[in-house]
């Protein structure tokens, strides 16, 4: 289970005041980003991320740092 960053903080970071995010939206965005990271690893022949970081944890860290945002289609 991922304890850091905190889920509530991730939900806040993911959404905007005009377009708030939900926990469900967080799940979808994290899963899609984790799949992208896995696909990139496979295309580059990488079997593990440096430091043993999992793809889902990396996606959560990207949201927490502000590298990713959510847009509605």
C-alpha atoms as a PDB file:
ATOM      1  CA  UNK A   1       0.000   0.000   0.000  1.00  0.00           C
ATOM      2  CA  UNK A   2       1.210   3.492  -0.815  1.00  0.00           C
ATOM      3  CA  UNK A   3       1.243   5.734   2.256  1.00  0.00           C
ATOM      4  CA  UNK A   4       3.286   8.593   0.874  1.00  0.00           C
ATOM      5  CA  UNK A   5       2.162  10.777  -0.820  1.00  0.00           C
ATOM      6  CA  UNK A   6      -1.186  10.877   0.953  1.00  0.00           C
ATOM      7  CA  UNK A   7      -4.185  10.072  -1.256  1.00  0.00           C
ATOM      8  CA  UNK A   8      -6.120  13.198  -0.243  1.00  0.00           C
ATOM      9  CA  UNK A   9      -3.161  15.374  -1.252  1.00  0.00           C
ATOM     10  CA  UNK A  10      -2.951  13.583  -4.595  1.00  0.00           C
ATOM     11  CA  UNK A  11      -6.656  14.187  -5.247  1.00  0.00           C
ATOM     12  CA  UNK A  12      -6.163  17.893  -4.471  1.00  0.00           C
ATOM     13  CA  UNK A  13      -3.093  18.130  -6.740  1.00  0.00           C
ATOM     14  CA  UNK A  14      -4.794  16.306  -9.586  1.00  0.00           C
ATOM     15  CA  UNK A  15      -7.854  18.523  -9.732  1.00  0.00           C
ATOM     16  CA  UNK A  16      -8.394  22.248  -9.986  1.00  0.00           C
ATOM     17  CA  UNK A  17     -10.904  24.483  -8.181  1.00  0.00           C
ATOM     18  CA  UNK A  18     -13.036  24.602 -11.334  1.00  0.00           C
ATOM     19  CA  UNK A  19     -12.576  20.900 -12.084  1.00  0.00           C
ATOM     20  CA  UNK A  20     -12.103  18.949  -8.828  1.00  0.00           C
ATOM     21  CA  UNK A  21     -10.844  15.374  -9.001  1.00  0.00           C
ATOM     22  CA  UNK A  22     -12.275  12.335  -7.255  1.00  0.00           C
ATOM     23  CA  UNK A  23     -10.572   9.272  -5.858  1.00  0.00           C
ATOM     24  CA  UNK A  24     -11.909   7.316  -8.819  1.00  0.00           C
ATOM     25  CA  UNK A  25     -10.341   9.807 -11.233  1.00  0.00           C
ATOM     26  CA  UNK A  26      -7.053   9.508  -9.335  1.00  0.00           C
ATOM     27  CA  UNK A  27      -7.183   5.724  -9.732  1.00  0.00           C
ATOM     28  CA  UNK A  28      -7.779   5.974 -13.468  1.00  0.00           C
ATOM     29  CA  UNK A  29      -5.026   8.549 -14.041  1.00  0.00           C
ATOM     30  CA  UNK A  30      -2.470   6.644 -11.944  1.00  0.00           C
ATOM     31  CA  UNK A  31      -3.281   3.349 -13.687  1.00  0.00           C
ATOM     32  CA  UNK A  32      -2.948   4.901 -17.149  1.00  0.00           C
ATOM     33  CA  UNK A  33       0.358   6.588 -16.274  1.00  0.00           C
ATOM     34  CA  UNK A  34       1.720   3.395 -14.710  1.00  0.00           C
ATOM     35  CA  UNK A  35       0.861   1.522 -17.930  1.00  0.00           C
ATOM     36  CA  UNK A  36       2.696   4.195 -19.958  1.00  0.00           C
ATOM     37  CA  UNK A  37       5.764   3.822 -17.739  1.00  0.00           C
ATOM     38  CA  UNK A  38       5.683   0.027 -18.139  1.00  0.00           C
ATOM     39  CA  UNK A  39       5.393   0.350 -21.930  1.00  0.00           C
ATOM     40  CA  UNK A  40       8.358   2.755 -21.986  1.00  0.00           C
ATOM     41  CA  UNK A  41      10.431   0.347 -19.893  1.00  0.00           C
ATOM     42  CA  UNK A  42       9.647  -2.543 -22.199  1.00  0.00           C
ATOM     43  CA  UNK A  43      10.464  -0.574 -25.354  1.00  0.00           C
ATOM     44  CA  UNK A  44      13.823   0.461 -23.861  1.00  0.00           C
ATOM     45  CA  UNK A  45      14.623  -3.022 -22.570  1.00  0.00           C
ATOM     46  CA  UNK A  46      14.544  -1.954 -18.922  1.00  0.00           C
ATOM     47  CA  UNK A  47      13.335  -4.617 -16.495  1.00  0.00           C
ATOM     48  CA  UNK A  48      13.259  -2.534 -13.301  1.00  0.00           C
ATOM     49  CA  UNK A  49      13.185   1.131 -12.409  1.00  0.00           C
ATOM     50  CA  UNK A  50      16.229   2.499 -10.565  1.00  0.00           C
ATOM     51  CA  UNK A  51      15.969   2.094  -6.833  1.00  0.00           C
ATOM     52  CA  UNK A  52      13.324  -0.610  -7.127  1.00  0.00           C
ATOM     53  CA  UNK A  53      10.549   1.995  -7.379  1.00  0.00           C
ATOM     54  CA  UNK A  54       7.269   0.561  -8.619  1.00  0.00           C
ATOM     55  CA  UNK A  55       5.478   2.119 -11.571  1.00  0.00           C
ATOM     56  CA  UNK A  56       2.392   3.051  -9.553  1.00  0.00           C
ATOM     57  CA  UNK A  57       4.523   4.764  -6.908  1.00  0.00           C
ATOM     58  CA  UNK A  58       6.345   6.710  -9.633  1.00  0.00           C
ATOM     59  CA  UNK A  59       3.026   7.831 -11.145  1.00  0.00           C
ATOM     60  CA  UNK A  60       1.861   9.016  -7.701  1.00  0.00           C
ATOM     61  CA  UNK A  61       5.124  10.898  -7.178  1.00  0.00           C
ATOM     62  CA  UNK A  62       4.677  12.620 -10.545  1.00  0.00           C
ATOM     63  CA  UNK A  63       1.208  13.815  -9.532  1.00  0.00           C
ATOM     64  CA  UNK A  64       2.462  14.984  -6.118  1.00  0.00           C
ATOM     65  CA  UNK A  65       5.280  16.972  -7.716  1.00  0.00           C
ATOM     66  CA  UNK A  66       2.916  18.648 -10.183  1.00  0.00           C
ATOM     67  CA  UNK A  67       4.321  16.989 -13.318  1.00  0.00           C
ATOM     68  CA  UNK A  68       0.902  15.564 -14.162  1.00  0.00           C
ATOM     69  CA  UNK A  69      -2.552  17.074 -14.213  1.00  0.00           C
ATOM     70  CA  UNK A  70      -5.956  15.792 -15.196  1.00  0.00           C
ATOM     71  CA  UNK A  71      -7.953  16.999 -18.171  1.00  0.00           C
ATOM     72  CA  UNK A  72     -11.490  16.003 -19.030  1.00  0.00           C
ATOM     73  CA  UNK A  73     -12.192  14.716 -22.517  1.00  0.00           C
END
